[in-house]
Amino acid sequence: QVYLVESGGGLVQPAGSLRLSCAASRSVSSANAMGWYRQAPGKERELVATITSSSSTNYGDSVKGRFTISRDNAKNTVYLQMNSLKPEDTAVYYCNGRLKYTNLEVWGQGTLVTVSS
C-alpha cells in the first residue's frame, strides 16, 4: 500500500526554486510530525526539515534560511519550498510520516531534485 506520494522534483538551475509536495493517505496520521529527508549519491540520508501537527518546524543546518516546510492538515499534505538552490542540494527527496494506530514509520518513494546549469 502506498502511504506517501511525493511530487514536484525536477531539474532546476542554481539559485532557482522548486516546491515539493507530499500527499499522505488516510492511513497516515496528521497528528504526528512529518518530514522531508534527502539522500545524495554516495551519501547517507539526512534531515531536511520536519513539521509537527501544530506547525512547529525544524531544519537541517544546510537548508536553514533557504527552505520552508509547511503542511495542510485538512489535505494531509506536506510541502517543501526550496529557494536559492545549490548544486549540493541535488538528491532524492523523501517524505516521512507515521501510520495511525500502529505509529509505524513510513516513507515515500522519493522525488529527484537536480540542481545544475
PDB file of N, CA and C in Angstrom:
ATOM      1  N   GLN A   1       0.847  -1.192   0.000  1.00  0.00           N
ATOM      2  CA  GLN A   1       0.000   0.000   0.000  1.00  0.00           C
ATOM      3  C   GLN A   1       0.886   1.246   0.000  1.00  0.00           C
ATOM      4  N   VAL A   2       0.477   2.229  -0.791  1.00  0.00           N
ATOM      5  CA  VAL A   2       1.222   3.479  -0.883  1.00  0.00           C
ATOM      6  C   VAL A   2       0.663   4.459   0.128  1.00  0.00           C
ATOM      7  N   TYR A   3       1.514   4.922   1.014  1.00  0.00           N
ATOM      8  CA  TYR A   3       1.076   5.823   2.067  1.00  0.00           C
ATOM      9  C   TYR A   3       1.438   7.283   1.804  1.00  0.00           C
ATOM     10  N   LEU A   4       2.591   7.497   1.148  1.00  0.00           N
ATOM     11  CA  LEU A   4       3.074   8.854   0.904  1.00  0.00           C
ATOM     12  C   LEU A   4       3.506   8.969  -0.551  1.00  0.00           C
ATOM     13  N   VAL A   5       3.071  10.014  -1.237  1.00  0.00           N
ATOM     14  CA  VAL A   5       3.430  10.220  -2.632  1.00  0.00           C
ATOM     15  C   VAL A   5       4.026  11.607  -2.796  1.00  0.00           C
ATOM     16  N   GLU A   6       5.310  11.644  -3.171  1.00  0.00           N
ATOM     17  CA  GLU A   6       5.984  12.914  -3.394  1.00  0.00           C
ATOM     18  C   GLU A   6       5.832  13.337  -4.852  1.00  0.00           C
ATOM     19  N   SER A   7       5.890  14.640  -5.069  1.00  0.00           N
ATOM     20  CA  SER A   7       5.872  15.185  -6.428  1.00  0.00           C
ATOM     21  C   SER A   7       6.555  16.543  -6.409  1.00  0.00           C
ATOM     22  N   GLY A   8       6.901  17.011  -7.609  1.00  0.00           N
ATOM     23  CA  GLY A   8       7.462  18.356  -7.728  1.00  0.00           C
ATOM     24  C   GLY A   8       8.945  18.404  -8.002  1.00  0.00           C
ATOM     25  N   GLY A   9       9.613  17.263  -8.015  1.00  0.00           N
ATOM     26  CA  GLY A   9      11.036  17.271  -8.302  1.00  0.00           C
ATOM     27  C   GLY A   9      11.316  17.564  -9.762  1.00  0.00           C
ATOM     28  N   GLY A  10      12.592  17.771 -10.061  1.00  0.00           N
ATOM     29  CA  GLY A  10      12.967  18.039 -11.446  1.00  0.00           C
ATOM     30  C   GLY A  10      14.326  18.685 -11.524  1.00  0.00           C
ATOM     31  N   LEU A  11      14.610  19.208 -12.706  1.00  0.00           N
ATOM     32  CA  LEU A  11      15.879  19.879 -12.966  1.00  0.00           C
ATOM     33  C   LEU A  11      15.688  21.388 -12.808  1.00  0.00           C
ATOM     34  N   VAL A  12      16.573  22.012 -12.066  1.00  0.00           N
ATOM     35  CA  VAL A  12      16.499  23.455 -11.857  1.00  0.00           C
ATOM     36  C   VAL A  12      17.914  24.027 -11.863  1.00  0.00           C
ATOM     37  N   GLN A  13      18.038  25.252 -12.298  1.00  0.00           N
ATOM     38  CA  GLN A  13      19.347  25.896 -12.319  1.00  0.00           C
ATOM     39  C   GLN A  13      19.716  26.404 -10.923  1.00  0.00           C
ATOM     40  N   PRO A  14      21.002  26.537 -10.662  1.00  0.00           N
ATOM     41  CA  PRO A  14      21.422  27.113  -9.371  1.00  0.00           C
ATOM     42  C   PRO A  14      20.765  28.469  -9.142  1.00  0.00           C
ATOM     43  N   ALA A  15      20.405  28.702  -7.893  1.00  0.00           N
ATOM     44  CA  ALA A  15      19.689  29.906  -7.448  1.00  0.00           C
ATOM     45  C   ALA A  15      18.195  29.850  -7.761  1.00  0.00           C
ATOM     46  N   GLY A  16      17.758  28.781  -8.396  1.00  0.00           N
ATOM     47  CA  GLY A  16      16.343  28.638  -8.706  1.00  0.00           C
ATOM     48  C   GLY A  16      15.544  28.097  -7.535  1.00  0.00           C
ATOM     49  N   SER A  17      14.244  27.865  -7.804  1.00  0.00           N
ATOM     50  CA  SER A  17      13.317  27.396  -6.764  1.00  0.00           C
ATOM     51  C   SER A  17      12.512  26.206  -7.257  1.00  0.00           C
ATOM     52  N   LEU A  18      12.099  25.391  -6.307  1.00  0.00           N
ATOM     53  CA  LEU A  18      11.186  24.281  -6.562  1.00  0.00           C
ATOM     54  C   LEU A  18      10.292  24.118  -5.341  1.00  0.00           C
ATOM     55  N   ARG A  19       9.101  23.571  -5.572  1.00  0.00           N
ATOM     56  CA  ARG A  19       8.208  23.257  -4.463  1.00  0.00           C
ATOM     57  C   ARG A  19       7.835  21.791  -4.530  1.00  0.00           C
ATOM     58  N   LEU A  20       8.169  21.069  -3.511  1.00  0.00           N
ATOM     59  CA  LEU A  20       7.817  19.661  -3.412  1.00  0.00           C
ATOM     60  C   LEU A  20       6.524  19.498  -2.616  1.00  0.00           C
ATOM     61  N   SER A  21       5.758  18.488  -3.003  1.00  0.00           N
ATOM     62  CA  SER A  21       4.529  18.155  -2.281  1.00  0.00           C
ATOM     63  C   SER A  21       4.580  16.700  -1.861  1.00  0.00           C
ATOM     64  N   CYS A  22       3.959  16.403  -0.736  1.00  0.00           N
ATOM     65  CA  CYS A  22       3.856  15.028  -0.254  1.00  0.00           C
ATOM     66  C   CYS A  22       2.413  14.806   0.175  1.00  0.00           C
ATOM     67  N   ALA A  23       1.702  14.012  -0.611  1.00  0.00           N
ATOM     68  CA  ALA A  23       0.305  13.701  -0.301  1.00  0.00           C
ATOM     69  C   ALA A  23       0.249  12.410   0.495  1.00  0.00           C
ATOM     70  N   ALA A  24      -0.367  12.479   1.681  1.00  0.00           N
ATOM     71  CA  ALA A  24      -0.436  11.310   2.556  1.00  0.00           C
ATOM     72  C   ALA A  24      -1.815  10.667   2.492  1.00  0.00           C
ATOM     73  N   SER A  25      -1.847   9.354   2.540  1.00  0.00           N
ATOM     74  CA  SER A  25      -3.121   8.640   2.548  1.00  0.00           C
ATOM     75  C   SER A  25      -3.809   8.812   3.900  1.00  0.00           C
ATOM     76  N   ARG A  26      -5.054   8.368   3.985  1.00  0.00           N
ATOM     77  CA  ARG A  26      -5.806   8.489   5.229  1.00  0.00           C
ATOM     78  C   ARG A  26      -5.201   7.638   6.340  1.00  0.00           C
ATOM     79  N   SER A  27      -4.356   6.700   5.975  1.00  0.00           N
ATOM     80  CA  SER A  27      -3.733   5.842   6.977  1.00  0.00           C
ATOM     81  C   SER A  27      -2.608   6.545   7.728  1.00  0.00           C
ATOM     82  N   VAL A  28      -2.138   7.652   7.158  1.00  0.00           N
ATOM     83  CA  VAL A  28      -1.036   8.390   7.779  1.00  0.00           C
ATOM     84  C   VAL A  28      -1.616   9.398   8.760  1.00  0.00           C
ATOM     85  N   SER A  29      -1.032   9.425   9.941  1.00  0.00           N
ATOM     86  CA  SER A  29      -1.553  10.289  10.995  1.00  0.00           C
ATOM     87  C   SER A  29      -1.206  11.748  10.751  1.00  0.00           C
ATOM     88  N   SER A  30      -2.223  12.607  10.811  1.00  0.00           N
ATOM     89  CA  SER A  30      -1.977  14.049  10.725  1.00  0.00           C
ATOM     90  C   SER A  30      -1.629  14.611  12.107  1.00  0.00           C
ATOM     91  N   ALA A  31      -1.709  13.770  13.132  1.00  0.00           N
ATOM     92  CA  ALA A  31      -1.396  14.217  14.490  1.00  0.00           C
ATOM     93  C   ALA A  31       0.085  14.090  14.815  1.00  0.00           C
ATOM     94  N   ASN A  32       0.821  13.431  13.936  1.00  0.00           N
ATOM     95  CA  ASN A  32       2.257  13.259  14.152  1.00  0.00           C
ATOM     96  C   ASN A  32       3.060  14.213  13.284  1.00  0.00           C
ATOM     97  N   ALA A  33       4.318  14.364  13.658  1.00  0.00           N
ATOM     98  CA  ALA A  33       5.217  15.149  12.820  1.00  0.00           C
ATOM     99  C   ALA A  33       5.432  14.441  11.490  1.00  0.00           C
ATOM    100  N   MET A  34       5.663  15.236  10.469  1.00  0.00           N
ATOM    101  CA  MET A  34       6.052  14.720   9.160  1.00  0.00           C
ATOM    102  C   MET A  34       7.308  15.439   8.729  1.00  0.00           C
ATOM    103  N   GLY A  35       8.004  14.860   7.775  1.00  0.00           N
ATOM    104  CA  GLY A  35       9.261  15.487   7.419  1.00  0.00           C
ATOM    105  C   GLY A  35       9.737  15.178   6.029  1.00  0.00           C
ATOM    106  N   TRP A  36      10.763  15.894   5.656  1.00  0.00           N
ATOM    107  CA  TRP A  36      11.479  15.681   4.396  1.00  0.00           C
ATOM    108  C   TRP A  36      12.918  15.317   4.725  1.00  0.00           C
ATOM    109  N   TYR A  37      13.420  14.307   4.032  1.00  0.00           N
ATOM    110  CA  TYR A  37      14.802  13.881   4.132  1.00  0.00           C
ATOM    111  C   TYR A  37      15.342  13.781   2.716  1.00  0.00           C
ATOM    112  N   ARG A  38      16.644  13.749   2.579  1.00  0.00           N
ATOM    113  CA  ARG A  38      17.221  13.622   1.249  1.00  0.00           C
ATOM    114  C   ARG A  38      18.452  12.719   1.290  1.00  0.00           C
ATOM    115  N   GLN A  39      18.738  12.133   0.136  1.00  0.00           N
ATOM    116  CA  GLN A  39      19.908  11.282   0.016  1.00  0.00           C
ATOM    117  C   GLN A  39      20.573  11.547  -1.314  1.00  0.00           C
ATOM    118  N   ALA A  40      21.799  12.029  -1.237  1.00  0.00           N
ATOM    119  CA  ALA A  40      22.598  12.271  -2.436  1.00  0.00           C
ATOM    120  C   ALA A  40      23.400  11.010  -2.759  1.00  0.00           C
ATOM    121  N   PRO A  41      23.821  10.844  -4.017  1.00  0.00           N
ATOM    122  CA  PRO A  41      24.588   9.658  -4.393  1.00  0.00           C
ATOM    123  C   PRO A  41      25.824   9.490  -3.524  1.00  0.00           C
ATOM    124  N   GLY A  42      25.984   8.298  -2.971  1.00  0.00           N
ATOM    125  CA  GLY A  42      27.155   8.003  -2.158  1.00  0.00           C
ATOM    126  C   GLY A  42      27.120   8.565  -0.758  1.00  0.00           C
ATOM    127  N   LYS A  43      26.002   9.156  -0.381  1.00  0.00           N
ATOM    128  CA  LYS A  43      25.908   9.752   0.953  1.00  0.00           C
ATOM    129  C   LYS A  43      24.747   9.141   1.726  1.00  0.00           C
ATOM    130  N   GLU A  44      24.767   9.345   3.040  1.00  0.00           N
ATOM    131  CA  GLU A  44      23.685   8.851   3.879  1.00  0.00           C
ATOM    132  C   GLU A  44      22.475   9.788   3.782  1.00  0.00           C
ATOM    133  N   ARG A  45      21.306   9.233   4.112  1.00  0.00           N
ATOM    134  CA  ARG A  45      20.098  10.044   4.147  1.00  0.00           C
ATOM    135  C   ARG A  45      20.216  11.062   5.282  1.00  0.00           C
ATOM    136  N   GLU A  46      19.814  12.302   5.007  1.00  0.00           N
ATOM    137  CA  GLU A  46      19.934  13.342   6.004  1.00  0.00           C
ATOM    138  C   GLU A  46      18.630  14.112   6.160  1.00  0.00           C
ATOM    139  N   LEU A  47      18.475  14.689   7.335  1.00  0.00           N
ATOM    140  CA  LEU A  47      17.301  15.506   7.615  1.00  0.00           C
ATOM    141  C   LEU A  47      17.317  16.782   6.787  1.00  0.00           C
ATOM    142  N   VAL A  48      16.165  17.097   6.200  1.00  0.00           N
ATOM    143  CA  VAL A  48      15.983  18.393   5.558  1.00  0.00           C
ATOM    144  C   VAL A  48      15.135  19.276   6.463  1.00  0.00           C
ATOM    145  N   ALA A  49      13.935  18.794   6.806  1.00  0.00           N
ATOM    146  CA  ALA A  49      13.045  19.575   7.660  1.00  0.00           C
ATOM    147  C   ALA A  49      11.934  18.688   8.204  1.00  0.00           C
ATOM    148  N   THR A  50      11.450  19.042   9.394  1.00  0.00           N
ATOM    149  CA  THR A  50      10.288  18.370   9.959  1.00  0.00           C
ATOM    150  C   THR A  50       9.286  19.407  10.432  1.00  0.00           C
ATOM    151  N   ILE A  51       8.033  18.969  10.545  1.00  0.00           N
ATOM    152  CA  ILE A  51       6.978  19.861  10.999  1.00  0.00           C
ATOM    153  C   ILE A  51       5.999  19.065  11.841  1.00  0.00           C
ATOM    154  N   THR A  52       5.632  19.606  13.003  1.00  0.00           N
ATOM    155  CA  THR A  52       4.679  18.932  13.869  1.00  0.00           C
ATOM    156  C   THR A  52       3.251  19.246  13.425  1.00  0.00           C
ATOM    157  N   SER A  53       2.297  18.611  14.092  1.00  0.00           N
ATOM    158  CA  SER A  53       0.895  18.851  13.756  1.00  0.00           C
ATOM    159  C   SER A  53       0.482  20.285  14.068  1.00  0.00           C
ATOM    160  N   SER A  54       1.202  20.922  14.979  1.00  0.00           N
ATOM    161  CA  SER A  54       0.906  22.325  15.313  1.00  0.00           C
ATOM    162  C   SER A  54       1.810  23.287  14.551  1.00  0.00           C
ATOM    163  N   SER A  55       2.526  22.740  13.552  1.00  0.00           N
ATOM    164  CA  SER A  55       3.362  23.516  12.623  1.00  0.00           C
ATOM    165  C   SER A  55       4.644  24.070  13.232  1.00  0.00           C
ATOM    166  N   SER A  56       5.129  23.457  14.302  1.00  0.00           N
ATOM    167  CA  SER A  56       6.488  23.771  14.755  1.00  0.00           C
ATOM    168  C   SER A  56       7.468  23.101  13.803  1.00  0.00           C
ATOM    169  N   THR A  57       8.511  23.820  13.435  1.00  0.00           N
ATOM    170  CA  THR A  57       9.412  23.324  12.401  1.00  0.00           C
ATOM    171  C   THR A  57      10.843  23.168  12.911  1.00  0.00           C
ATOM    172  N   ASN A  58      11.572  22.314  12.201  1.00  0.00           N
ATOM    173  CA  ASN A  58      12.987  22.083  12.479  1.00  0.00           C
ATOM    174  C   ASN A  58      13.680  21.864  11.148  1.00  0.00           C
ATOM    175  N   TYR A  59      14.863  22.461  10.977  1.00  0.00           N
ATOM    176  CA  TYR A  59      15.564  22.381   9.695  1.00  0.00           C
ATOM    177  C   TYR A  59      16.987  21.869   9.873  1.00  0.00           C
ATOM    178  N   GLY A  60      17.467  21.166   8.865  1.00  0.00           N
ATOM    179  CA  GLY A  60      18.867  20.824   8.816  1.00  0.00           C
ATOM    180  C   GLY A  60      19.695  22.082   8.604  1.00  0.00           C
ATOM    181  N   ASP A  61      20.909  22.077   9.125  1.00  0.00           N
ATOM    182  CA  ASP A  61      21.738  23.278   9.062  1.00  0.00           C
ATOM    183  C   ASP A  61      21.986  23.748   7.628  1.00  0.00           C
ATOM    184  N   SER A  62      22.102  22.818   6.709  1.00  0.00           N
ATOM    185  CA  SER A  62      22.465  23.172   5.338  1.00  0.00           C
ATOM    186  C   SER A  62      21.338  23.852   4.564  1.00  0.00           C
ATOM    187  N   VAL A  63      20.123  23.802   5.072  1.00  0.00           N
ATOM    188  CA  VAL A  63      19.000  24.388   4.336  1.00  0.00           C
ATOM    189  C   VAL A  63      18.332  25.536   5.083  1.00  0.00           C
ATOM    190  N   LYS A  64      18.778  25.822   6.288  1.00  0.00           N
ATOM    191  CA  LYS A  64      18.160  26.896   7.065  1.00  0.00           C
ATOM    192  C   LYS A  64      18.233  28.211   6.312  1.00  0.00           C
ATOM    193  N   GLY A  65      17.105  28.925   6.292  1.00  0.00           N
ATOM    194  CA  GLY A  65      17.050  30.210   5.622  1.00  0.00           C
ATOM    195  C   GLY A  65      16.741  30.111   4.131  1.00  0.00           C
ATOM    196  N   ARG A  66      16.793  28.901   3.569  1.00  0.00           N
ATOM    197  CA  ARG A  66      16.519  28.734   2.135  1.00  0.00           C
ATOM    198  C   ARG A  66      15.274  27.894   1.884  1.00  0.00           C
ATOM    199  N   PHE A  67      15.023  26.925   2.734  1.00  0.00           N
ATOM    200  CA  PHE A  67      13.889  26.020   2.565  1.00  0.00           C
ATOM    201  C   PHE A  67      12.827  26.319   3.620  1.00  0.00           C
ATOM    202  N   THR A  68      11.568  26.080   3.245  1.00  0.00           N
ATOM    203  CA  THR A  68      10.457  26.253   4.170  1.00  0.00           C
ATOM    204  C   THR A  68       9.522  25.056   4.074  1.00  0.00           C
ATOM    205  N   ILE A  69       9.262  24.424   5.217  1.00  0.00           N
ATOM    206  CA  ILE A  69       8.317  23.312   5.256  1.00  0.00           C
ATOM    207  C   ILE A  69       6.979  23.822   5.774  1.00  0.00           C
ATOM    208  N   SER A  70       5.911  23.277   5.218  1.00  0.00           N
ATOM    209  CA  SER A  70       4.574  23.654   5.671  1.00  0.00           C
ATOM    210  C   SER A  70       3.653  22.449   5.501  1.00  0.00           C
ATOM    211  N   ARG A  71       2.475  22.517   6.098  1.00  0.00           N
ATOM    212  CA  ARG A  71       1.538  21.402   5.951  1.00  0.00           C
ATOM    213  C   ARG A  71       0.116  21.911   5.953  1.00  0.00           C
ATOM    214  N   ASP A  72      -0.726  21.157   5.278  1.00  0.00           N
ATOM    215  CA  ASP A  72      -2.157  21.411   5.241  1.00  0.00           C
ATOM    216  C   ASP A  72      -2.810  20.175   5.846  1.00  0.00           C
ATOM    217  N   ASN A  73      -3.194  20.264   7.109  1.00  0.00           N
ATOM    218  CA  ASN A  73      -3.731  19.082   7.797  1.00  0.00           C
ATOM    219  C   ASN A  73      -5.051  18.611   7.197  1.00  0.00           C
ATOM    220  N   ALA A  74      -5.819  19.541   6.670  1.00  0.00           N
ATOM    221  CA  ALA A  74      -7.091  19.158   6.062  1.00  0.00           C
ATOM    222  C   ALA A  74      -6.876  18.280   4.835  1.00  0.00           C
ATOM    223  N   LYS A  75      -5.801  18.548   4.119  1.00  0.00           N
ATOM    224  CA  LYS A  75      -5.480  17.756   2.929  1.00  0.00           C
ATOM    225  C   LYS A  75      -4.462  16.658   3.239  1.00  0.00           C
ATOM    226  N   ASN A  76      -3.964  16.635   4.469  1.00  0.00           N
ATOM    227  CA  ASN A  76      -2.912  15.685   4.861  1.00  0.00           C
ATOM    228  C   ASN A  76      -1.748  15.736   3.875  1.00  0.00           C
ATOM    229  N   THR A  77      -1.312  16.929   3.602  1.00  0.00           N
ATOM    230  CA  THR A  77      -0.246  17.171   2.627  1.00  0.00           C
ATOM    231  C   THR A  77       0.823  18.045   3.251  1.00  0.00           C
ATOM    232  N   VAL A  78       2.071  17.715   2.949  1.00  0.00           N
ATOM    233  CA  VAL A  78       3.213  18.486   3.420  1.00  0.00           C
ATOM    234  C   VAL A  78       3.949  19.049   2.210  1.00  0.00           C
ATOM    235  N   TYR A  79       4.443  20.265   2.353  1.00  0.00           N
ATOM    236  CA  TYR A  79       5.128  20.940   1.252  1.00  0.00           C
ATOM    237  C   TYR A  79       6.552  21.299   1.673  1.00  0.00           C
ATOM    238  N   LEU A  80       7.396  21.420   0.680  1.00  0.00           N
ATOM    239  CA  LEU A  80       8.756  21.915   0.911  1.00  0.00           C
ATOM    240  C   LEU A  80       9.074  22.938  -0.167  1.00  0.00           C
ATOM    241  N   GLN A  81       9.119  24.193   0.222  1.00  0.00           N
ATOM    242  CA  GLN A  81       9.501  25.262  -0.689  1.00  0.00           C
ATOM    243  C   GLN A  81      11.013  25.417  -0.614  1.00  0.00           C
ATOM    244  N   MET A  82      11.658  25.257  -1.745  1.00  0.00           N
ATOM    245  CA  MET A  82      13.125  25.308  -1.802  1.00  0.00           C
ATOM    246  C   MET A  82      13.546  26.490  -2.659  1.00  0.00           C
ATOM    247  N   ASN A  83      14.228  27.430  -2.049  1.00  0.00           N
ATOM    248  CA  ASN A  83      14.721  28.612  -2.745  1.00  0.00           C
ATOM    249  C   ASN A  83      16.240  28.640  -2.719  1.00  0.00           C
ATOM    250  N   SER A  84      16.809  29.463  -3.574  1.00  0.00           N
ATOM    251  CA  SER A  84      18.270  29.622  -3.626  1.00  0.00           C
ATOM    252  C   SER A  84      18.970  28.270  -3.693  1.00  0.00           C
ATOM    253  N   LEU A  85      18.495  27.432  -4.590  1.00  0.00           N
ATOM    254  CA  LEU A  85      19.026  26.073  -4.687  1.00  0.00           C
ATOM    255  C   LEU A  85      20.474  26.068  -5.143  1.00  0.00           C
ATOM    256  N   LYS A  86      21.216  25.105  -4.607  1.00  0.00           N
ATOM    257  CA  LYS A  86      22.635  24.948  -4.911  1.00  0.00           C
ATOM    258  C   LYS A  86      22.863  23.555  -5.501  1.00  0.00           C
ATOM    259  N   PRO A  87      23.935  23.376  -6.246  1.00  0.00           N
ATOM    260  CA  PRO A  87      24.217  22.038  -6.787  1.00  0.00           C
ATOM    261  C   PRO A  87      24.280  20.971  -5.689  1.00  0.00           C
ATOM    262  N   GLU A  88      24.730  21.341  -4.518  1.00  0.00           N
ATOM    263  CA  GLU A  88      24.822  20.369  -3.428  1.00  0.00           C
ATOM    264  C   GLU A  88      23.468  19.976  -2.851  1.00  0.00           C
ATOM    265  N   ASP A  89      22.399  20.613  -3.300  1.00  0.00           N
ATOM    266  CA  ASP A  89      21.055  20.203  -2.913  1.00  0.00           C
ATOM    267  C   ASP A  89      20.544  19.055  -3.777  1.00  0.00           C
ATOM    268  N   THR A  90      21.302  18.698  -4.792  1.00  0.00           N
ATOM    269  CA  THR A  90      20.921  17.592  -5.663  1.00  0.00           C
ATOM    270  C   THR A  90      20.833  16.300  -4.857  1.00  0.00           C
ATOM    271  N   ALA A  91      19.673  15.653  -4.926  1.00  0.00           N
ATOM    272  CA  ALA A  91      19.435  14.443  -4.144  1.00  0.00           C
ATOM    273  C   ALA A  91      18.044  13.911  -4.451  1.00  0.00           C
ATOM    274  N   VAL A  92      17.789  12.714  -3.967  1.00  0.00           N
ATOM    275  CA  VAL A  92      16.419  12.213  -3.944  1.00  0.00           C
ATOM    276  C   VAL A  92      15.814  12.648  -2.613  1.00  0.00           C
ATOM    277  N   TYR A  93      14.657  13.289  -2.696  1.00  0.00           N
ATOM    278  CA  TYR A  93      13.986  13.810  -1.514  1.00  0.00           C
ATOM    279  C   TYR A  93      12.842  12.879  -1.135  1.00  0.00           C
ATOM    280  N   TYR A  94      12.816  12.504   0.136  1.00  0.00           N
ATOM    281  CA  TYR A  94      11.837  11.552   0.645  1.00  0.00           C
ATOM    282  C   TYR A  94      10.952  12.208   1.702  1.00  0.00           C
ATOM    283  N   CYS A  95       9.691  11.858   1.650  1.00  0.00           N
ATOM    284  CA  CYS A  95       8.732  12.293   2.655  1.00  0.00           C
ATOM    285  C   CYS A  95       8.609  11.200   3.718  1.00  0.00           C
ATOM    286  N   ASN A  96       8.357  11.614   4.940  1.00  0.00           N
ATOM    287  CA  ASN A  96       8.331  10.691   6.075  1.00  0.00           C
ATOM    288  C   ASN A  96       7.134  10.995   6.955  1.00  0.00           C
ATOM    289  N   GLY A  97       6.494   9.951   7.446  1.00  0.00           N
ATOM    290  CA  GLY A  97       5.373  10.136   8.369  1.00  0.00           C
ATOM    291  C   GLY A  97       5.167   8.880   9.188  1.00  0.00           C
ATOM    292  N   ARG A  98       4.073   8.851   9.946  1.00  0.00           N
ATOM    293  CA  ARG A  98       3.755   7.677  10.758  1.00  0.00           C
ATOM    294  C   ARG A  98       2.291   7.303  10.577  1.00  0.00           C
ATOM    295  N   LEU A  99       2.050   5.989  10.629  1.00  0.00           N
ATOM    296  CA  LEU A  99       0.694   5.492  10.455  1.00  0.00           C
ATOM    297  C   LEU A  99      -0.125   5.693  11.721  1.00  0.00           C
ATOM    298  N   LYS A 100      -1.422   5.860  11.531  1.00  0.00           N
ATOM    299  CA  LYS A 100      -2.344   5.880  12.653  1.00  0.00           C
ATOM    300  C   LYS A 100      -2.310   4.515  13.344  1.00  0.00           C
ATOM    301  N   TYR A 101      -2.632   4.519  14.627  1.00  0.00           N
ATOM    302  CA  TYR A 101      -2.810   3.306  15.443  1.00  0.00           C
ATOM    303  C   TYR A 101      -1.502   2.545  15.688  1.00  0.00           C
ATOM    304  N   THR A 102      -0.772   2.165  14.646  1.00  0.00           N
ATOM    305  CA  THR A 102       0.468   1.399  14.835  1.00  0.00           C
ATOM    306  C   THR A 102       1.677   2.289  15.085  1.00  0.00           C
ATOM    307  N   ASN A 103       1.594   3.559  14.659  1.00  0.00           N
ATOM    308  CA  ASN A 103       2.708   4.502  14.758  1.00  0.00           C
ATOM    309  C   ASN A 103       3.921   4.055  13.939  1.00  0.00           C
ATOM    310  N   LEU A 104       3.718   3.153  13.008  1.00  0.00           N
ATOM    311  CA  LEU A 104       4.803   2.680  12.165  1.00  0.00           C
ATOM    312  C   LEU A 104       5.296   3.799  11.269  1.00  0.00           C
ATOM    313  N   GLU A 105       6.603   3.943  11.172  1.00  0.00           N
ATOM    314  CA  GLU A 105       7.204   4.968  10.323  1.00  0.00           C
ATOM    315  C   GLU A 105       7.134   4.525   8.861  1.00  0.00           C
ATOM    316  N   VAL A 106       6.727   5.423   7.994  1.00  0.00           N
ATOM    317  CA  VAL A 106       6.637   5.104   6.561  1.00  0.00           C
ATOM    318  C   VAL A 106       7.334   6.177   5.740  1.00  0.00           C
ATOM    319  N   TRP A 107       7.726   5.771   4.519  1.00  0.00           N
ATOM    320  CA  TRP A 107       8.455   6.653   3.617  1.00  0.00           C
ATOM    321  C   TRP A 107       7.789   6.642   2.242  1.00  0.00           C
ATOM    322  N   GLY A 108       7.924   7.770   1.549  1.00  0.00           N
ATOM    323  CA  GLY A 108       7.503   7.817   0.161  1.00  0.00           C
ATOM    324  C   GLY A 108       8.566   7.207  -0.734  1.00  0.00           C
ATOM    325  N   GLN A 109       8.274   7.186  -2.029  1.00  0.00           N
ATOM    326  CA  GLN A 109       9.187   6.571  -2.990  1.00  0.00           C
ATOM    327  C   GLN A 109      10.326   7.511  -3.385  1.00  0.00           C
ATOM    328  N   GLY A 110      10.189   8.774  -3.057  1.00  0.00           N
ATOM    329  CA  GLY A 110      11.223   9.747  -3.359  1.00  0.00           C
ATOM    330  C   GLY A 110      10.985  10.493  -4.663  1.00  0.00           C
ATOM    331  N   THR A 111      11.480  11.714  -4.712  1.00  0.00           N
ATOM    332  CA  THR A 111      11.433  12.513  -5.940  1.00  0.00           C
ATOM    333  C   THR A 111      12.809  13.139  -6.128  1.00  0.00           C
ATOM    334  N   LEU A 112      13.304  13.059  -7.354  1.00  0.00           N
ATOM    335  CA  LEU A 112      14.666  13.511  -7.642  1.00  0.00           C
ATOM    336  C   LEU A 112      14.696  15.008  -7.908  1.00  0.00           C
ATOM    337  N   VAL A 113      15.595  15.684  -7.224  1.00  0.00           N
ATOM    338  CA  VAL A 113      15.864  17.101  -7.467  1.00  0.00           C
ATOM    339  C   VAL A 113      17.304  17.221  -7.955  1.00  0.00           C
ATOM    340  N   THR A 114      17.447  17.820  -9.122  1.00  0.00           N
ATOM    341  CA  THR A 114      18.766  18.024  -9.708  1.00  0.00           C
ATOM    342  C   THR A 114      18.987  19.510  -9.913  1.00  0.00           C
ATOM    343  N   VAL A 115      20.057  20.025  -9.302  1.00  0.00           N
ATOM    344  CA  VAL A 115      20.384  21.444  -9.438  1.00  0.00           C
ATOM    345  C   VAL A 115      21.655  21.550 -10.276  1.00  0.00           C
ATOM    346  N   SER A 116      21.488  22.042 -11.481  1.00  0.00           N
ATOM    347  CA  SER A 116      22.614  22.088 -12.409  1.00  0.00           C
ATOM    348  C   SER A 116      22.355  23.123 -13.479  1.00  0.00           C
ATOM    349  N   SER A 117      23.432  23.719 -13.968  1.00  0.00           N
ATOM    350  CA  SER A 117      23.320  24.661 -15.073  1.00  0.00           C
ATOM    351  C   SER A 117      23.541  23.941 -16.401  1.00  0.00           C
TER     352      SER A 117
END
